[in-house]
Amino acid sequence: MNDFVQRVAMKAVLINKGKVLLLREAGTYDEGTNKGRYQMPGGRIEPGEHWEGALNREVREETGITEFTLGKPIYVSEWFPTIKGVKTHIVAMFHICTTDTDEVTLSDEHDTYEWIDLENWRNFDVMSPEDKVLEATVKELLAS
């Protein structure tokens, strides 16, 4: 596996008033591999960056949301996309986060967003592993 670039990512299961934020990847995003599909805000940790700082930065960059409460980890996954011809191994940690705002300002990586009811997530073209994260989130929230 020496021909892979490895990345670590932090993703937010961002909840406001019982709804989860999903962002749709824009067709113009040049590093995108899931154009037109929905995902959660987040992204790669920069070298030397603390994971919590990376999560805050990515949520702010992708949504404009600056105030949210970090909760517990809900899911860990990995995937192997080819980005601009480079085989990549991404390991991502998903955390439940809550916010009091529903105002979103998108970056150029996404072209629309939805605050969705958890029971309706299957009505959206959600990329993997976000589909498994949403299943885990539904189970977690119903158990509490």
N, C-alpha and C. Protein backbone atom coordinates (compact mmCIF):
# COMPACT_ATOMS: atom_id res chain seq x y z
N MET A 1 0.82 -1.20 0.00
CA MET A 1 0.00 0.00 0.00
C MET A 1 0.85 1.26 0.00
N ASN A 2 2.07 1.17 -0.40
CA ASN A 2 2.96 2.33 -0.40
C ASN A 2 2.58 3.38 -1.43
N ASP A 3 1.71 3.03 -2.37
CA ASP A 3 1.33 3.98 -3.41
C ASP A 3 0.12 4.82 -3.03
N PHE A 4 -0.26 4.83 -1.75
CA PHE A 4 -1.40 5.61 -1.27
C PHE A 4 -0.92 6.82 -0.47
N VAL A 5 -1.67 7.90 -0.58
CA VAL A 5 -1.51 9.05 0.31
C VAL A 5 -2.51 8.83 1.42
N GLN A 6 -2.08 8.99 2.66
CA GLN A 6 -3.00 8.79 3.78
C GLN A 6 -3.42 10.12 4.38
N ARG A 7 -4.70 10.24 4.69
CA ARG A 7 -5.27 11.45 5.27
C ARG A 7 -6.12 11.06 6.48
N VAL A 8 -6.17 11.93 7.46
CA VAL A 8 -7.07 11.77 8.60
C VAL A 8 -8.05 12.93 8.55
N ALA A 9 -9.33 12.63 8.75
CA ALA A 9 -10.36 13.65 8.64
C ALA A 9 -11.24 13.65 9.88
N MET A 10 -11.80 14.82 10.16
CA MET A 10 -12.77 14.99 11.25
C MET A 10 -14.08 15.45 10.61
N LYS A 11 -15.19 14.83 11.03
CA LYS A 11 -16.50 15.18 10.47
C LYS A 11 -17.48 15.43 11.61
N ALA A 12 -18.41 16.35 11.38
CA ALA A 12 -19.39 16.73 12.39
C ALA A 12 -20.78 16.24 12.00
N VAL A 13 -21.42 15.51 12.91
CA VAL A 13 -22.84 15.20 12.80
C VAL A 13 -23.51 16.37 13.50
N LEU A 14 -23.75 17.44 12.75
CA LEU A 14 -24.18 18.71 13.32
C LEU A 14 -25.71 18.73 13.47
N ILE A 15 -26.17 18.86 14.72
CA ILE A 15 -27.59 18.77 15.04
C ILE A 15 -28.09 20.10 15.58
N ASN A 16 -29.24 20.53 15.04
CA ASN A 16 -29.93 21.73 15.51
C ASN A 16 -31.42 21.39 15.62
N LYS A 17 -31.97 21.49 16.81
CA LYS A 17 -33.39 21.22 17.05
C LYS A 17 -33.83 19.87 16.48
N GLY A 18 -32.99 18.86 16.68
CA GLY A 18 -33.32 17.51 16.25
C GLY A 18 -33.07 17.22 14.79
N LYS A 19 -32.59 18.19 14.03
CA LYS A 19 -32.31 17.98 12.61
C LYS A 19 -30.80 17.96 12.37
N VAL A 20 -30.38 17.18 11.38
CA VAL A 20 -28.97 17.02 11.05
C VAL A 20 -28.67 17.76 9.75
N LEU A 21 -27.53 18.42 9.72
CA LEU A 21 -27.12 19.16 8.53
C LEU A 21 -26.40 18.26 7.54
N LEU A 22 -26.88 18.28 6.29
CA LEU A 22 -26.21 17.60 5.19
C LEU A 22 -25.86 18.63 4.13
N LEU A 23 -24.68 18.49 3.54
CA LEU A 23 -24.20 19.37 2.48
C LEU A 23 -24.08 18.57 1.20
N ARG A 24 -24.48 19.15 0.07
CA ARG A 24 -24.35 18.45 -1.22
C ARG A 24 -23.08 18.91 -1.92
N GLU A 25 -22.26 17.93 -2.30
CA GLU A 25 -20.99 18.24 -2.97
C GLU A 25 -21.26 18.87 -4.33
N ALA A 26 -20.61 19.99 -4.57
CA ALA A 26 -20.78 20.73 -5.82
C ALA A 26 -20.05 20.02 -6.97
N GLY A 27 -20.62 20.12 -8.14
CA GLY A 27 -19.99 19.56 -9.33
C GLY A 27 -18.71 20.28 -9.70
N THR A 28 -18.52 21.48 -9.17
CA THR A 28 -17.32 22.27 -9.47
C THR A 28 -16.17 22.03 -8.50
N TYR A 29 -16.40 21.23 -7.46
CA TYR A 29 -15.35 20.97 -6.47
C TYR A 29 -14.30 20.05 -7.09
N ASP A 30 -13.09 20.58 -7.31
CA ASP A 30 -12.08 19.84 -8.08
C ASP A 30 -11.48 18.64 -7.35
N GLU A 31 -11.61 18.55 -6.03
CA GLU A 31 -11.13 17.37 -5.31
C GLU A 31 -12.28 16.43 -4.96
N GLY A 32 -13.45 16.73 -5.46
CA GLY A 32 -14.63 15.93 -5.13
C GLY A 32 -14.67 14.59 -5.83
N THR A 33 -15.20 13.61 -5.13
CA THR A 33 -15.39 12.28 -5.72
C THR A 33 -16.84 11.82 -5.56
N ASN A 34 -17.69 12.69 -5.02
CA ASN A 34 -19.10 12.36 -4.78
C ASN A 34 -20.02 13.49 -5.22
N LYS A 35 -19.77 14.03 -6.38
CA LYS A 35 -20.53 15.16 -6.89
C LYS A 35 -22.04 14.87 -6.86
N GLY A 36 -22.81 15.83 -6.28
CA GLY A 36 -24.25 15.70 -6.23
C GLY A 36 -24.76 14.86 -5.07
N ARG A 37 -23.86 14.32 -4.27
CA ARG A 37 -24.27 13.50 -3.13
C ARG A 37 -24.11 14.29 -1.84
N TYR A 38 -24.88 13.91 -0.84
CA TYR A 38 -24.87 14.61 0.44
C TYR A 38 -23.85 14.01 1.40
N GLN A 39 -23.29 14.88 2.22
CA GLN A 39 -22.30 14.49 3.21
C GLN A 39 -22.38 15.42 4.40
N MET A 40 -21.61 15.11 5.42
CA MET A 40 -21.57 15.94 6.62
C MET A 40 -20.38 16.88 6.54
N PRO A 41 -20.46 18.03 7.22
CA PRO A 41 -19.33 18.96 7.19
C PRO A 41 -18.10 18.37 7.86
N GLY A 42 -16.96 18.72 7.33
CA GLY A 42 -15.69 18.26 7.90
C GLY A 42 -14.67 18.05 6.81
N GLY A 43 -13.48 17.67 7.23
CA GLY A 43 -12.42 17.44 6.26
C GLY A 43 -11.11 17.09 6.92
N ARG A 44 -10.07 17.19 6.13
CA ARG A 44 -8.75 16.71 6.53
C ARG A 44 -8.08 17.56 7.61
N ILE A 45 -7.36 16.87 8.47
CA ILE A 45 -6.52 17.52 9.46
C ILE A 45 -5.22 17.90 8.75
N GLU A 46 -4.81 19.15 8.90
CA GLU A 46 -3.55 19.60 8.32
C GLU A 46 -2.38 19.09 9.17
N PRO A 47 -1.21 18.86 8.59
CA PRO A 47 -0.06 18.39 9.37
C PRO A 47 0.21 19.31 10.56
N GLY A 48 0.30 18.71 11.73
CA GLY A 48 0.58 19.47 12.95
C GLY A 48 -0.64 20.10 13.59
N GLU A 49 -1.81 20.00 12.96
CA GLU A 49 -3.03 20.61 13.49
C GLU A 49 -3.70 19.67 14.49
N HIS A 50 -4.19 20.21 15.58
CA HIS A 50 -4.93 19.44 16.58
C HIS A 50 -6.27 19.03 15.97
N TRP A 51 -6.74 17.83 16.28
CA TRP A 51 -7.97 17.32 15.65
C TRP A 51 -9.18 18.19 15.94
N GLU A 52 -9.29 18.72 17.17
CA GLU A 52 -10.44 19.55 17.50
C GLU A 52 -10.40 20.88 16.74
N GLY A 53 -9.21 21.43 16.59
CA GLY A 53 -9.05 22.65 15.79
C GLY A 53 -9.42 22.41 14.34
N ALA A 54 -9.05 21.25 13.82
CA ALA A 54 -9.38 20.90 12.44
C ALA A 54 -10.89 20.80 12.25
N LEU A 55 -11.57 20.19 13.21
CA LEU A 55 -13.02 20.07 13.11
C LEU A 55 -13.67 21.45 13.14
N ASN A 56 -13.23 22.30 14.06
CA ASN A 56 -13.77 23.67 14.13
C ASN A 56 -13.53 24.42 12.82
N ARG A 57 -12.32 24.32 12.30
CA ARG A 57 -11.96 25.02 11.06
C ARG A 57 -12.81 24.52 9.90
N GLU A 58 -12.92 23.22 9.76
CA GLU A 58 -13.66 22.66 8.62
C GLU A 58 -15.15 23.01 8.69
N VAL A 59 -15.74 22.93 9.88
CA VAL A 59 -17.16 23.30 10.00
C VAL A 59 -17.34 24.77 9.65
N ARG A 60 -16.46 25.63 10.15
CA ARG A 60 -16.54 27.06 9.85
C ARG A 60 -16.37 27.31 8.35
N GLU A 61 -15.36 26.68 7.73
CA GLU A 61 -15.11 26.90 6.30
C GLU A 61 -16.27 26.42 5.43
N GLU A 62 -16.86 25.28 5.77
CA GLU A 62 -17.87 24.68 4.91
C GLU A 62 -19.28 25.16 5.18
N THR A 63 -19.53 25.72 6.39
CA THR A 63 -20.91 26.09 6.75
C THR A 63 -21.05 27.52 7.24
N GLY A 64 -19.95 28.14 7.63
CA GLY A 64 -20.01 29.46 8.24
C GLY A 64 -20.41 29.41 9.70
N ILE A 65 -20.69 28.22 10.22
CA ILE A 65 -21.11 28.08 11.63
C ILE A 65 -19.86 28.10 12.51
N THR A 66 -19.84 29.05 13.44
CA THR A 66 -18.67 29.21 14.31
C THR A 66 -18.93 28.74 15.74
N GLU A 67 -20.20 28.58 16.09
CA GLU A 67 -20.56 28.19 17.46
C GLU A 67 -21.25 26.84 17.43
N PHE A 68 -20.59 25.84 17.99
CA PHE A 68 -21.23 24.54 18.18
C PHE A 68 -20.55 23.84 19.34
N THR A 69 -21.27 22.89 19.91
CA THR A 69 -20.75 22.13 21.04
C THR A 69 -20.31 20.76 20.56
N LEU A 70 -19.07 20.43 20.86
CA LEU A 70 -18.51 19.13 20.48
C LEU A 70 -19.02 18.07 21.43
N GLY A 71 -19.60 17.03 20.88
CA GLY A 71 -20.07 15.90 21.67
C GLY A 71 -19.17 14.70 21.48
N LYS A 72 -19.72 13.55 21.76
CA LYS A 72 -18.90 12.34 21.73
C LYS A 72 -18.73 11.78 20.32
N PRO A 73 -17.68 11.00 20.13
CA PRO A 73 -17.51 10.32 18.84
C PRO A 73 -18.66 9.33 18.64
N ILE A 74 -19.12 9.24 17.39
CA ILE A 74 -20.23 8.35 17.08
C ILE A 74 -19.82 7.26 16.08
N TYR A 75 -18.76 7.51 15.28
CA TYR A 75 -18.41 6.55 14.23
C TYR A 75 -17.00 6.82 13.73
N VAL A 76 -16.31 5.75 13.35
CA VAL A 76 -15.00 5.84 12.70
C VAL A 76 -15.07 4.99 11.45
N SER A 77 -14.54 5.51 10.35
CA SER A 77 -14.57 4.75 9.10
C SER A 77 -13.38 5.11 8.23
N GLU A 78 -13.28 4.44 7.11
CA GLU A 78 -12.22 4.72 6.14
C GLU A 78 -12.74 4.45 4.74
N TRP A 79 -12.14 5.11 3.78
CA TRP A 79 -12.46 4.87 2.38
C TRP A 79 -11.24 5.17 1.54
N PHE A 80 -11.28 4.76 0.27
CA PHE A 80 -10.11 4.78 -0.59
C PHE A 80 -10.41 5.45 -1.94
N PRO A 81 -10.67 6.75 -1.96
CA PRO A 81 -10.95 7.41 -3.24
C PRO A 81 -9.66 7.70 -4.02
N THR A 82 -9.83 7.94 -5.30
CA THR A 82 -8.74 8.47 -6.12
C THR A 82 -9.07 9.94 -6.34
N ILE A 83 -8.18 10.82 -5.84
CA ILE A 83 -8.40 12.26 -5.90
C ILE A 83 -7.36 12.86 -6.84
N LYS A 84 -7.84 13.42 -7.94
CA LYS A 84 -6.95 14.01 -8.95
C LYS A 84 -5.88 13.01 -9.38
N GLY A 85 -6.28 11.75 -9.56
CA GLY A 85 -5.38 10.70 -10.01
C GLY A 85 -4.51 10.09 -8.92
N VAL A 86 -4.66 10.52 -7.68
CA VAL A 86 -3.85 10.02 -6.58
C VAL A 86 -4.69 9.10 -5.70
N LYS A 87 -4.22 7.85 -5.53
CA LYS A 87 -4.92 6.93 -4.64
C LYS A 87 -4.76 7.44 -3.21
N THR A 88 -5.90 7.53 -2.52
CA THR A 88 -5.90 8.13 -1.19
C THR A 88 -6.62 7.22 -0.20
N HIS A 89 -6.08 7.14 0.99
CA HIS A 89 -6.71 6.39 2.09
C HIS A 89 -7.11 7.43 3.13
N ILE A 90 -8.42 7.58 3.35
CA ILE A 90 -8.92 8.55 4.32
C ILE A 90 -9.52 7.81 5.50
N VAL A 91 -9.06 8.14 6.69
CA VAL A 91 -9.63 7.64 7.94
C VAL A 91 -10.35 8.82 8.57
N ALA A 92 -11.63 8.65 8.90
CA ALA A 92 -12.41 9.77 9.43
C ALA A 92 -13.10 9.40 10.73
N MET A 93 -13.11 10.37 11.62
CA MET A 93 -13.83 10.25 12.88
C MET A 93 -15.00 11.22 12.86
N PHE A 94 -16.17 10.72 13.18
CA PHE A 94 -17.40 11.50 13.19
C PHE A 94 -17.81 11.76 14.64
N HIS A 95 -18.10 13.02 14.95
CA HIS A 95 -18.53 13.41 16.29
C HIS A 95 -19.92 14.03 16.23
N ILE A 96 -20.74 13.70 17.20
CA ILE A 96 -22.02 14.39 17.34
C ILE A 96 -21.71 15.79 17.86
N CYS A 97 -22.28 16.80 17.23
CA CYS A 97 -22.11 18.19 17.63
C CYS A 97 -23.48 18.86 17.61
N THR A 98 -23.68 19.83 18.48
CA THR A 98 -24.95 20.55 18.50
C THR A 98 -24.71 22.04 18.31
N THR A 99 -25.69 22.69 17.69
CA THR A 99 -25.59 24.12 17.46
C THR A 99 -26.97 24.76 17.65
N ASP A 100 -26.96 26.04 17.98
CA ASP A 100 -28.21 26.78 18.14
C ASP A 100 -28.59 27.56 16.89
N THR A 101 -27.77 27.47 15.85
CA THR A 101 -28.07 28.22 14.62
C THR A 101 -28.42 27.26 13.49
N ASP A 102 -29.29 27.74 12.60
CA ASP A 102 -29.57 26.97 11.39
C ASP A 102 -29.17 27.76 10.14
N GLU A 103 -28.47 28.87 10.35
CA GLU A 103 -28.00 29.69 9.24
C GLU A 103 -26.69 29.13 8.71
N VAL A 104 -26.66 28.84 7.42
CA VAL A 104 -25.50 28.21 6.78
C VAL A 104 -25.02 29.08 5.64
N THR A 105 -23.71 29.28 5.58
CA THR A 105 -23.06 29.94 4.45
C THR A 105 -22.11 28.93 3.84
N LEU A 106 -22.44 28.46 2.64
CA LEU A 106 -21.66 27.39 2.02
C LEU A 106 -20.34 27.87 1.42
N SER A 107 -19.36 26.98 1.45
CA SER A 107 -18.12 27.21 0.71
C SER A 107 -18.36 26.77 -0.74
N ASP A 108 -17.35 26.92 -1.58
CA ASP A 108 -17.51 26.51 -2.98
C ASP A 108 -17.43 24.99 -3.16
N GLU A 109 -17.18 24.24 -2.08
CA GLU A 109 -17.15 22.78 -2.15
C GLU A 109 -18.56 22.18 -2.24
N HIS A 110 -19.57 22.97 -1.82
CA HIS A 110 -20.94 22.47 -1.77
C HIS A 110 -21.87 23.46 -2.45
N ASP A 111 -22.99 22.93 -3.02
CA ASP A 111 -23.89 23.82 -3.75
C ASP A 111 -25.26 23.98 -3.09
N THR A 112 -25.57 23.16 -2.10
CA THR A 112 -26.80 23.32 -1.33
C THR A 112 -26.67 22.56 -0.03
N TYR A 113 -27.64 22.79 0.86
CA TYR A 113 -27.63 22.09 2.14
C TYR A 113 -29.07 21.82 2.56
N GLU A 114 -29.22 20.89 3.50
CA GLU A 114 -30.53 20.55 4.05
C GLU A 114 -30.36 20.25 5.53
N TRP A 115 -31.25 20.78 6.35
CA TRP A 115 -31.40 20.34 7.74
C TRP A 115 -32.48 19.28 7.67
N ILE A 116 -32.14 18.03 7.93
CA ILE A 116 -33.09 16.93 7.73
C ILE A 116 -33.52 16.29 9.05
N ASP A 117 -34.76 15.80 9.06
CA ASP A 117 -35.21 14.96 10.16
C ASP A 117 -34.48 13.63 10.04
N LEU A 118 -33.99 13.12 11.14
CA LEU A 118 -33.21 11.88 11.11
C LEU A 118 -33.96 10.72 10.48
N GLU A 119 -35.25 10.64 10.71
CA GLU A 119 -36.00 9.50 10.16
C GLU A 119 -36.16 9.60 8.64
N ASN A 120 -35.84 10.76 8.05
CA ASN A 120 -36.00 10.94 6.60
C ASN A 120 -34.69 10.92 5.83
N TRP A 121 -33.59 10.56 6.44
CA TRP A 121 -32.30 10.68 5.76
C TRP A 121 -32.22 9.81 4.50
N ARG A 122 -32.98 8.74 4.45
CA ARG A 122 -32.91 7.85 3.27
C ARG A 122 -33.52 8.50 2.02
N ASN A 123 -34.19 9.63 2.18
CA ASN A 123 -34.74 10.36 1.04
C ASN A 123 -33.68 11.17 0.30
N PHE A 124 -32.46 11.14 0.80
CA PHE A 124 -31.37 11.92 0.21
C PHE A 124 -30.28 10.98 -0.29
N ASP A 125 -29.61 11.38 -1.36
CA ASP A 125 -28.50 10.60 -1.90
C ASP A 125 -27.26 10.87 -1.04
N VAL A 126 -27.13 10.10 0.04
CA VAL A 126 -26.07 10.28 1.02
C VAL A 126 -24.90 9.37 0.67
N MET A 127 -23.70 9.96 0.66
CA MET A 127 -22.50 9.17 0.36
C MET A 127 -22.16 8.23 1.52
N SER A 128 -21.35 7.26 1.23
CA SER A 128 -20.83 6.38 2.26
C SER A 128 -19.50 6.95 2.74
N PRO A 129 -19.22 6.93 4.02
CA PRO A 129 -19.86 6.20 5.10
C PRO A 129 -20.92 7.01 5.86
N GLU A 130 -21.29 8.20 5.37
CA GLU A 130 -22.28 9.01 6.07
C GLU A 130 -23.59 8.26 6.27
N ASP A 131 -23.93 7.36 5.35
CA ASP A 131 -25.15 6.57 5.52
C ASP A 131 -25.07 5.72 6.79
N LYS A 132 -23.92 5.11 7.02
CA LYS A 132 -23.74 4.30 8.23
C LYS A 132 -23.69 5.18 9.48
N VAL A 133 -23.13 6.37 9.34
CA VAL A 133 -23.08 7.31 10.46
C VAL A 133 -24.49 7.73 10.85
N LEU A 134 -25.33 8.01 9.87
CA LEU A 134 -26.71 8.39 10.16
C LEU A 134 -27.47 7.26 10.83
N GLU A 135 -27.25 6.02 10.39
CA GLU A 135 -27.87 4.87 11.06
C GLU A 135 -27.44 4.80 12.52
N ALA A 136 -26.14 4.97 12.77
CA ALA A 136 -25.62 4.93 14.14
C ALA A 136 -26.17 6.08 14.97
N THR A 137 -26.32 7.24 14.36
CA THR A 137 -26.85 8.42 15.07
C THR A 137 -28.30 8.19 15.46
N VAL A 138 -29.10 7.66 14.55
CA VAL A 138 -30.50 7.36 14.85
C VAL A 138 -30.58 6.40 16.03
N LYS A 139 -29.79 5.34 16.01
CA LYS A 139 -29.80 4.37 17.12
C LYS A 139 -29.38 5.02 18.42
N GLU A 140 -28.35 5.85 18.38
CA GLU A 140 -27.85 6.53 19.58
C GLU A 140 -28.89 7.47 20.16
N LEU A 141 -29.51 8.28 19.33
CA LEU A 141 -30.47 9.25 19.81
C LEU A 141 -31.77 8.62 20.28
N LEU A 142 -32.16 7.51 19.66
CA LEU A 142 -33.37 6.81 20.10
C LEU A 142 -33.13 6.10 21.44
N ALA A 143 -31.88 5.70 21.68
CA ALA A 143 -31.55 4.99 22.93
C ALA A 143 -31.51 5.94 24.12
N SER A 144 -31.29 7.24 23.84
CA SER A 144 -31.15 8.17 24.97
C SER A 144 -32.44 8.85 25.36
